[in-house]
Amino acid sequence: MSSAETPDVQSEGQSKAQGGPLAGLRVIDLTRVLSGPFCTMTLGDMGAEVIKVEHPVGGDDTRAFAPPYQGDQSAYFLSVNRNKKSLTLNLKDDGAKEVLWQLIDTADIIVENFRPGAAKRLGFGYDDVAARRPQMIYASISGFGDTGPDATRPGYDLIVQGESAMMNITGGPDTSPYKMGTSIADLVSGMTLVQGILAALYARRDSGLGQHVKVSMLEALSSLLTYHAGNYFATGVSYERAGNAHPSIVPYETFQASDGWLNIAVGNDAQWLTFCDAVDRQDLKEHPDYAKGPDRVTNRDRLIPIVGDILSAKTRAEWISVLGQAGIPCGSIQTVGEICESETLKQRGMIWSMQHPTAGEVRNFANPIQLTGTPFAQPSPPPQLGEHTDDVLRDVLGFSAEKIAALKEQGSV
């Protein structure tokens, strides 16, 4: 991106030294908790300079999401805030507001996840920012969108998982609806916002103008229904919970081996024939009720117990060896600890290690994107509250030591 196409002030020193495809871009991060911080962490991974604005008292809510702690830091906060600088501002204070406006004048991207209307009431809504800095990309996450009957509702992951129907399709036929084990509504909305920001950056290369990038948690999560929604649109029938079974492919689910659980994914007719050979069941291979995919779906209630009996006769390792050699997709169900210590992930550089001043060695899962031409640089550890306040005010905005001291004295920073 040329200097003519980007804002007039760039964080040339620190940002470009980080490397990565977004080096030279500055992000003002007004988000907290998970959806927004996950988005801005990703932008930081890609090389953008991310300045995380936090309240001087307490900061991001997740600094108090504990235990567990690592040292004196919340493990939750440490998991989604690497590659950021922490600047404390009390945005209800006029002095702090002026500081933020001056910072906006140097930035490329703002990311916020206030409830719709809150940023405008603070004086930093999209229209306010665009009028002063038309090249700004202003990115927002809301729970249910900024228009419509639910616009004022707060966005909580559990609530959105339920209202998106995701919980209704998760769990067994005889269980209550289950939420996913991770905060999927928060995370997918953060990932989706990154996509929107990158699209807006690309569009700005030609137009020179920014735009408002908006993602609602409800819409981001609902979009993942894909074939479930497609089936409903085609038939008018809602999918019913079926545990780990696939609605259109059989056998494609979880089974119990003699020593624990494993998944097998027989995805097509050719794999079905190979599976029958691998488990030495010619009778199933030749049975007309299971010959084609639709036949196996129709007769799943009879077929699944048969497959379950077969797989219960050996250990997970034995089946993974037998089926793997035959080319049948299969794998054990691992614990969080097992995947965190996975040799595959370690050898592929998927575990990042950072030295934190009070927490010691902090490990995160790395950004899973690998770029050969503009690889991501070694990450910086999540910041302590206000760790970079003086640096940002002095080095980015050019404030004197006396002015910084005055802002602290009046409670602005």
Protein backbone atom coordinates (compact mmCIF):
# COMPACT_ATOMS: atom_id res chain seq x y z
CA MET A 1 0.00 0.00 0.00
CA SER A 2 1.55 3.30 -1.03
CA SER A 3 1.85 6.33 1.21
CA ALA A 4 -0.72 8.10 -0.94
CA GLU A 5 -3.24 5.40 -0.22
CA THR A 6 -2.71 5.18 3.52
CA PRO A 7 -3.17 7.67 6.35
CA ASP A 8 -0.60 10.42 6.67
CA VAL A 9 0.96 9.22 9.92
CA GLN A 10 2.37 5.70 10.03
CA SER A 11 4.00 3.90 12.93
CA GLU A 12 7.01 3.26 10.70
CA GLY A 13 9.47 2.21 13.38
CA GLN A 14 7.74 -0.26 15.63
CA SER A 15 5.10 -1.57 13.22
CA LYS A 16 7.35 -2.31 10.27
CA ALA A 17 9.89 -3.93 12.58
CA GLN A 18 7.23 -6.46 13.55
CA GLY A 19 6.99 -7.76 10.00
CA GLY A 20 3.96 -9.42 8.51
CA PRO A 21 1.54 -8.35 5.78
CA LEU A 22 -0.12 -5.59 7.84
CA ALA A 23 3.11 -3.97 9.04
CA GLY A 24 2.80 -0.19 8.96
CA LEU A 25 -0.89 -0.14 9.88
CA ARG A 26 -2.09 1.14 13.24
CA VAL A 27 -5.17 -0.29 14.98
CA ILE A 28 -7.00 1.39 17.85
CA ASP A 29 -8.55 -1.42 19.87
CA LEU A 30 -11.58 -0.28 21.88
CA THR A 31 -12.78 -3.83 22.48
CA ARG A 32 -12.94 -6.03 25.53
CA VAL A 33 -13.62 -9.61 26.62
CA LEU A 34 -13.32 -12.02 23.65
CA SER A 35 -14.86 -11.30 20.23
CA GLY A 36 -13.09 -7.98 19.65
CA PRO A 37 -9.80 -8.90 21.35
CA PHE A 38 -9.61 -12.08 19.26
CA CYS A 39 -10.05 -9.95 16.11
CA THR A 40 -7.42 -7.41 17.12
CA MET A 41 -4.98 -10.10 18.23
CA THR A 42 -5.23 -11.58 14.75
CA LEU A 43 -4.49 -8.18 13.20
CA GLY A 44 -1.51 -7.89 15.53
CA ASP A 45 -0.33 -11.35 14.50
CA MET A 46 -0.39 -10.09 10.90
CA GLY A 47 1.94 -7.23 11.79
CA ALA A 48 -0.38 -4.32 12.57
CA GLU A 49 0.48 -2.15 15.55
CA VAL A 50 -2.44 -2.64 17.95
CA ILE A 51 -3.00 -0.07 20.70
CA LYS A 52 -5.45 -1.50 23.21
CA VAL A 53 -7.36 1.25 25.01
CA GLU A 54 -8.39 0.23 28.52
CA HIS A 55 -9.96 1.95 31.52
CA PRO A 56 -7.30 2.92 34.06
CA VAL A 57 -9.11 1.01 36.80
CA GLY A 58 -9.27 -2.70 36.07
CA GLY A 59 -8.87 -2.52 32.31
CA ASP A 60 -10.32 -5.27 30.13
CA ASP A 61 -12.87 -7.36 32.03
CA THR A 62 -10.92 -10.52 31.32
CA ARG A 63 -8.02 -9.34 33.46
CA ALA A 64 -10.29 -10.43 36.32
CA PHE A 65 -11.51 -13.68 34.68
CA ALA A 66 -9.65 -15.95 37.08
CA PRO A 67 -8.59 -18.37 38.38
CA PRO A 68 -6.57 -19.80 36.81
CA TYR A 69 -3.77 -17.31 37.03
CA GLN A 70 -0.33 -17.46 35.51
CA GLY A 71 1.80 -15.49 37.92
CA ASP A 72 -0.41 -12.52 38.72
CA GLN A 73 -2.12 -12.51 35.31
CA SER A 74 -5.43 -14.01 34.22
CA ALA A 75 -4.80 -16.98 31.94
CA TYR A 76 -7.92 -15.98 30.01
CA PHE A 77 -6.58 -12.49 29.29
CA LEU A 78 -3.18 -13.88 28.30
CA SER A 79 -4.81 -16.15 25.71
CA VAL A 80 -6.24 -13.39 23.46
CA ASN A 81 -4.12 -10.28 23.92
CA ARG A 82 -0.63 -10.87 22.54
CA ASN A 83 0.89 -8.38 20.09
CA LYS A 84 -0.81 -5.37 21.69
CA LYS A 85 0.16 -2.24 23.57
CA SER A 86 -1.95 -1.17 26.55
CA LEU A 87 -2.92 2.50 26.78
CA THR A 88 -5.17 3.52 29.67
CA LEU A 89 -7.79 6.20 28.99
CA ASN A 90 -10.88 7.17 30.97
CA LEU A 91 -13.17 7.86 28.03
CA LYS A 92 -15.68 9.71 30.19
CA ASP A 93 -13.03 12.38 30.76
CA ASP A 94 -12.67 15.23 28.26
CA GLY A 95 -8.89 15.14 28.43
CA ALA A 96 -8.86 11.44 27.61
CA LYS A 97 -11.28 12.01 24.74
CA GLU A 98 -8.93 14.56 23.23
CA VAL A 99 -6.06 12.09 23.53
CA LEU A 100 -8.12 9.48 21.70
CA TRP A 101 -8.97 11.95 18.93
CA GLN A 102 -5.30 12.70 18.44
CA LEU A 103 -4.57 8.98 18.32
CA ILE A 104 -7.37 8.49 15.77
CA ASP A 105 -5.62 11.04 13.56
CA THR A 106 -2.66 8.63 13.30
CA ALA A 107 -4.56 5.38 12.81
CA ASP A 108 -5.87 3.19 10.01
CA ILE A 109 -8.41 1.01 11.79
CA ILE A 110 -10.70 1.29 14.81
CA VAL A 111 -12.25 -1.87 16.27
CA GLU A 112 -15.04 -1.62 18.86
CA ASN A 113 -17.58 -3.94 20.41
CA PHE A 114 -19.67 -1.54 22.46
CA ARG A 115 -23.40 -2.08 22.50
CA PRO A 116 -24.85 -0.26 19.44
CA GLY A 117 -25.08 3.46 20.13
CA ALA A 118 -22.60 3.53 23.01
CA ALA A 119 -19.63 4.70 20.92
CA LYS A 120 -21.77 7.48 19.46
CA ARG A 121 -22.79 8.63 22.92
CA LEU A 122 -19.10 8.82 23.84
CA GLY A 123 -18.54 10.96 20.75
CA PHE A 124 -16.64 8.35 18.75
CA GLY A 125 -19.32 6.78 16.56
CA TYR A 126 -18.66 5.91 12.95
CA ASP A 127 -20.14 9.13 11.58
CA ASP A 128 -18.07 11.23 14.00
CA VAL A 129 -14.84 9.48 13.02
CA ALA A 130 -15.55 9.34 9.28
CA ALA A 131 -16.27 13.07 9.17
CA ARG A 132 -12.84 13.80 10.62
CA ARG A 133 -10.89 10.95 9.04
CA PRO A 134 -12.63 9.57 5.94
CA GLN A 135 -9.90 7.00 5.27
CA MET A 136 -10.55 5.26 8.60
CA ILE A 137 -11.79 1.68 8.57
CA TYR A 138 -14.21 1.48 11.48
CA ALA A 139 -15.06 -2.08 12.52
CA SER A 140 -17.87 -3.01 14.90
CA ILE A 141 -19.10 -6.20 16.52
CA SER A 142 -22.58 -6.29 18.05
CA GLY A 143 -24.71 -9.04 19.46
CA PHE A 144 -27.70 -8.75 17.14
CA GLY A 145 -26.85 -5.97 14.68
CA ASP A 146 -27.21 -2.20 14.90
CA THR A 147 -30.72 -2.15 13.39
CA GLY A 148 -33.82 -4.26 13.89
CA PRO A 149 -35.83 -5.21 16.97
CA ASP A 150 -32.89 -6.68 18.89
CA ALA A 151 -30.34 -3.94 18.22
CA THR A 152 -30.10 -2.82 21.84
CA ARG A 153 -29.64 -6.29 23.30
CA PRO A 154 -26.19 -7.12 24.66
CA GLY A 155 -24.27 -9.90 22.95
CA TYR A 156 -23.39 -12.81 25.21
CA ASP A 157 -21.98 -15.97 23.71
CA LEU A 158 -24.35 -18.37 25.49
CA ILE A 159 -27.42 -16.38 24.47
CA VAL A 160 -26.30 -16.12 20.85
CA GLN A 161 -25.46 -19.83 20.68
CA GLY A 162 -29.06 -20.54 21.68
CA GLU A 163 -30.75 -18.01 19.42
CA SER A 164 -28.66 -19.00 16.39
CA ALA A 165 -30.01 -22.59 16.65
CA MET A 166 -26.46 -23.84 17.17
CA MET A 167 -27.37 -25.26 20.58
CA ASN A 168 -30.48 -26.91 19.19
CA ILE A 169 -28.40 -29.01 16.81
CA THR A 170 -25.76 -29.84 19.44
CA GLY A 171 -26.29 -32.76 21.81
CA GLY A 172 -27.96 -36.11 21.54
CA PRO A 173 -31.58 -36.87 20.65
CA ASP A 174 -32.37 -37.57 24.30
CA THR A 175 -30.35 -34.74 25.87
CA SER A 176 -30.98 -31.09 26.49
CA PRO A 177 -29.46 -28.70 23.95
CA TYR A 178 -25.73 -28.23 24.52
CA LYS A 179 -23.60 -25.19 23.96
CA MET A 180 -20.28 -25.77 22.28
CA GLY A 181 -17.33 -26.25 24.60
CA THR A 182 -15.69 -23.02 23.44
CA SER A 183 -17.18 -19.54 23.00
CA ILE A 184 -17.85 -20.10 19.34
CA ALA A 185 -20.16 -17.09 18.83
CA ASP A 186 -17.50 -14.71 20.13
CA LEU A 187 -14.68 -16.34 18.22
CA VAL A 188 -16.38 -16.68 14.85
CA SER A 189 -17.61 -13.08 14.97
CA GLY A 190 -14.05 -11.94 15.66
CA MET A 191 -12.74 -14.04 12.78
CA THR A 192 -15.46 -12.74 10.48
CA LEU A 193 -14.65 -9.14 11.40
CA VAL A 194 -11.02 -9.73 10.41
CA GLN A 195 -12.24 -10.81 6.97
CA GLY A 196 -14.31 -7.66 6.66
CA ILE A 197 -11.42 -5.43 7.72
CA LEU A 198 -9.09 -7.02 5.17
CA ALA A 199 -11.72 -6.54 2.45
CA ALA A 200 -12.10 -2.89 3.43
CA LEU A 201 -8.33 -2.39 3.36
CA TYR A 202 -8.23 -3.82 -0.16
CA ALA A 203 -11.08 -1.56 -1.28
CA ARG A 204 -9.31 1.48 0.20
CA ARG A 205 -6.36 0.93 -2.14
CA ASP A 206 -8.53 2.15 -5.03
CA SER A 207 -10.95 4.54 -3.33
CA GLY A 208 -8.73 6.05 -0.64
CA LEU A 209 -11.77 5.86 1.63
CA GLY A 210 -12.56 3.80 4.66
CA GLN A 211 -15.95 2.37 5.53
CA HIS A 212 -17.96 0.90 8.38
CA VAL A 213 -17.40 -2.86 8.71
CA LYS A 214 -20.18 -4.42 10.79
CA VAL A 215 -20.59 -7.98 12.09
CA SER A 216 -23.27 -9.27 14.42
CA MET A 217 -22.59 -12.32 16.54
CA LEU A 218 -26.00 -13.78 15.68
CA GLU A 219 -25.47 -13.49 11.93
CA ALA A 220 -21.86 -14.70 12.03
CA LEU A 221 -22.80 -17.82 13.97
CA SER A 222 -26.01 -18.46 12.00
CA SER A 223 -23.98 -18.41 8.79
CA LEU A 224 -22.20 -21.57 9.96
CA LEU A 225 -25.43 -23.56 9.74
CA THR A 226 -24.74 -23.94 5.97
CA TYR A 227 -26.18 -27.35 5.03
CA HIS A 228 -28.49 -27.45 8.06
CA ALA A 229 -30.09 -24.24 6.83
CA GLY A 230 -29.96 -25.46 3.24
CA ASN A 231 -31.81 -28.62 4.19
CA TYR A 232 -34.47 -26.55 5.97
CA PHE A 233 -34.89 -24.19 3.03
CA ALA A 234 -35.27 -27.22 0.76
CA THR A 235 -37.72 -29.20 2.90
CA GLY A 236 -39.19 -26.94 5.57
CA VAL A 237 -38.06 -29.44 8.20
CA SER A 238 -35.73 -28.44 11.04
CA TYR A 239 -32.81 -30.72 11.82
CA GLU A 240 -33.14 -32.60 15.09
CA ARG A 241 -30.24 -33.23 17.41
CA ALA A 242 -28.43 -36.45 16.58
CA GLY A 243 -25.38 -36.34 18.82
CA ASN A 244 -22.20 -36.75 16.82
CA ALA A 245 -23.94 -38.27 13.83
CA HIS A 246 -23.90 -36.54 10.45
CA PRO A 247 -27.35 -35.87 8.95
CA SER A 248 -26.37 -36.97 5.44
CA ILE A 249 -23.38 -39.34 5.79
CA VAL A 250 -23.23 -42.74 7.55
CA PRO A 251 -21.13 -43.99 9.31
CA TYR A 252 -19.65 -40.61 10.20
CA GLU A 253 -19.62 -40.20 13.96
CA THR A 254 -18.13 -41.22 17.30
CA PHE A 255 -17.75 -44.82 18.42
CA GLN A 256 -16.37 -46.50 21.51
CA ALA A 257 -13.34 -48.71 21.08
CA SER A 258 -12.27 -51.10 23.81
CA ASP A 259 -10.25 -48.36 25.57
CA GLY A 260 -11.98 -45.09 24.72
CA TRP A 261 -13.62 -42.99 22.04
CA LEU A 262 -12.71 -42.45 18.41
CA ASN A 263 -14.23 -40.84 15.35
CA ILE A 264 -14.54 -42.42 11.96
CA ALA A 265 -15.59 -40.59 8.82
CA VAL A 266 -16.70 -42.88 5.99
CA GLY A 267 -17.47 -40.07 3.60
CA ASN A 268 -18.52 -41.79 0.38
CA ASP A 269 -19.42 -45.13 -1.20
CA ALA A 270 -15.84 -45.99 -2.14
CA GLN A 271 -14.71 -45.45 1.45
CA TRP A 272 -17.59 -47.62 2.66
CA LEU A 273 -16.39 -50.53 0.56
CA THR A 274 -12.85 -50.01 1.83
CA PHE A 275 -14.09 -49.86 5.41
CA CYS A 276 -15.92 -53.17 5.01
CA ASP A 277 -12.73 -54.76 3.68
CA ALA A 278 -10.65 -53.32 6.51
CA VAL A 279 -12.95 -54.70 9.20
CA ASP A 280 -13.43 -57.98 7.28
CA ARG A 281 -17.19 -57.70 6.87
CA GLN A 282 -18.02 -58.80 3.34
CA ASP A 283 -21.64 -59.27 4.38
CA LEU A 284 -21.99 -55.53 4.95
CA LYS A 285 -20.17 -54.76 1.72
CA GLU A 286 -22.65 -56.83 -0.24
CA HIS A 287 -25.79 -55.88 1.69
CA PRO A 288 -28.21 -53.90 -0.51
CA ASP A 289 -29.48 -51.85 2.45
CA TYR A 290 -26.05 -50.27 2.85
CA ALA A 291 -24.82 -50.14 -0.74
CA LYS A 292 -25.21 -46.41 -1.37
CA GLY A 293 -24.99 -43.33 0.81
CA PRO A 294 -28.76 -42.66 0.88
CA ASP A 295 -29.33 -46.32 1.79
CA ARG A 296 -27.00 -46.04 4.77
CA VAL A 297 -28.69 -42.83 5.90
CA THR A 298 -32.13 -44.42 5.64
CA ASN A 299 -31.01 -47.52 7.54
CA ARG A 300 -28.67 -45.85 10.03
CA ASP A 301 -30.62 -47.19 13.05
CA ARG A 302 -29.67 -50.73 12.05
CA LEU A 303 -26.19 -50.03 10.69
CA ILE A 304 -24.73 -47.93 13.51
CA PRO A 305 -25.11 -50.62 16.23
CA ILE A 306 -23.39 -53.10 13.91
CA VAL A 307 -20.47 -50.76 13.32
CA GLY A 308 -20.34 -50.03 17.05
CA ASP A 309 -20.03 -53.72 17.87
CA ILE A 310 -17.21 -54.09 15.35
CA LEU A 311 -15.21 -51.15 16.69
CA SER A 312 -15.62 -52.15 20.34
CA ALA A 313 -13.43 -55.20 19.74
CA LYS A 314 -10.09 -53.34 19.43
CA THR A 315 -8.31 -50.39 21.02
CA ARG A 316 -8.26 -46.93 19.54
CA ALA A 317 -4.63 -47.30 18.49
CA GLU A 318 -5.35 -50.61 16.78
CA TRP A 319 -8.26 -49.19 14.81
CA ILE A 320 -6.40 -46.00 13.91
CA SER A 321 -3.61 -48.18 12.53
CA VAL A 322 -5.91 -50.58 10.64
CA LEU A 323 -8.27 -47.95 9.26
CA GLY A 324 -5.54 -45.40 8.66
CA GLN A 325 -3.57 -47.82 6.53
CA ALA A 326 -6.72 -48.50 4.55
CA GLY A 327 -7.24 -44.78 3.95
CA ILE A 328 -10.32 -44.40 6.17
CA PRO A 329 -10.33 -41.06 8.04
CA CYS A 330 -10.27 -41.75 11.76
CA GLY A 331 -8.85 -40.31 14.96
CA SER A 332 -9.05 -40.45 18.70
CA ILE A 333 -10.83 -37.84 20.82
CA GLN A 334 -8.08 -35.95 22.58
CA THR A 335 -8.11 -33.90 25.75
CA VAL A 336 -7.17 -30.22 25.77
CA GLY A 337 -3.89 -31.22 27.39
CA GLU A 338 -3.14 -33.76 24.68
CA ILE A 339 -3.67 -31.31 21.82
CA CYS A 340 -1.66 -28.61 23.64
CA GLU A 341 1.24 -31.08 23.87
CA SER A 342 0.75 -32.48 20.36
CA GLU A 343 4.02 -33.27 18.59
CA THR A 344 2.35 -32.42 15.29
CA LEU A 345 1.52 -28.90 16.45
CA LYS A 346 4.89 -28.40 18.10
CA GLN A 347 6.83 -29.46 15.01
CA ARG A 348 4.72 -27.19 12.82
CA GLY A 349 5.33 -24.16 15.03
CA MET A 350 1.76 -23.94 16.28
CA ILE A 351 2.82 -23.17 19.86
CA TRP A 352 4.14 -19.65 20.43
CA SER A 353 6.20 -18.88 23.52
CA MET A 354 6.59 -15.37 24.95
CA GLN A 355 8.33 -14.02 28.04
CA HIS A 356 6.02 -11.94 30.22
CA PRO A 357 7.49 -9.70 32.95
CA THR A 358 5.33 -11.15 35.74
CA ALA A 359 3.77 -14.31 34.31
CA GLY A 360 7.01 -15.81 33.00
CA GLU A 361 6.81 -17.97 29.90
CA VAL A 362 3.39 -17.59 28.28
CA ARG A 363 2.37 -20.11 25.65
CA ASN A 364 -0.44 -19.58 23.15
CA PHE A 365 -1.63 -21.42 20.12
CA ALA A 366 -0.09 -19.56 17.21
CA ASN A 367 -2.00 -17.95 14.39
CA PRO A 368 -2.78 -20.94 12.12
CA ILE A 369 -2.16 -19.00 8.89
CA GLN A 370 1.25 -19.59 7.35
CA LEU A 371 2.53 -17.10 4.77
CA THR A 372 5.69 -17.86 2.81
CA GLY A 373 6.41 -14.34 1.61
CA THR A 374 5.44 -12.22 4.61
CA PRO A 375 5.59 -14.57 7.60
CA PHE A 376 4.46 -13.46 11.01
CA ALA A 377 7.19 -12.25 13.33
CA GLN A 378 7.94 -13.50 16.84
CA PRO A 379 4.97 -12.38 18.96
CA SER A 380 5.15 -9.97 21.88
CA PRO A 381 3.57 -10.96 25.21
CA PRO A 382 0.17 -9.66 26.33
CA PRO A 383 0.61 -6.25 27.98
CA GLN A 384 0.24 -5.32 31.59
CA LEU A 385 -2.46 -2.73 32.27
CA GLY A 386 -1.20 0.64 31.07
CA GLU A 387 2.24 -0.77 30.27
CA HIS A 388 2.61 1.37 27.14
CA THR A 389 0.71 4.50 28.16
CA ASP A 390 3.79 6.69 28.45
CA ASP A 391 5.34 5.22 25.30
CA VAL A 392 2.25 5.89 23.18
CA LEU A 393 1.71 9.40 24.51
CA ARG A 394 5.38 10.30 24.07
CA ASP A 395 6.43 8.43 20.93
CA VAL A 396 3.20 8.40 18.92
CA LEU A 397 1.59 11.68 19.98
CA GLY A 398 4.69 13.63 20.94
CA PHE A 399 3.51 14.61 24.42
CA SER A 400 6.01 16.04 26.86
CA ALA A 401 6.72 14.46 30.23
CA GLU A 402 4.92 17.41 31.86
CA LYS A 403 1.79 16.90 29.77
CA ILE A 404 1.74 13.19 30.49
CA ALA A 405 2.07 13.89 34.20
CA ALA A 406 -0.80 16.40 34.03
CA LEU A 407 -3.06 13.86 32.30
CA LYS A 408 -2.31 11.35 35.02
CA GLU A 409 -2.95 13.92 37.72
CA GLN A 410 -6.42 14.76 36.36
CA GLY A 411 -7.37 11.09 35.95
CA SER A 412 -7.47 11.11 32.15
CA VAL A 413 -4.99 8.25 31.77
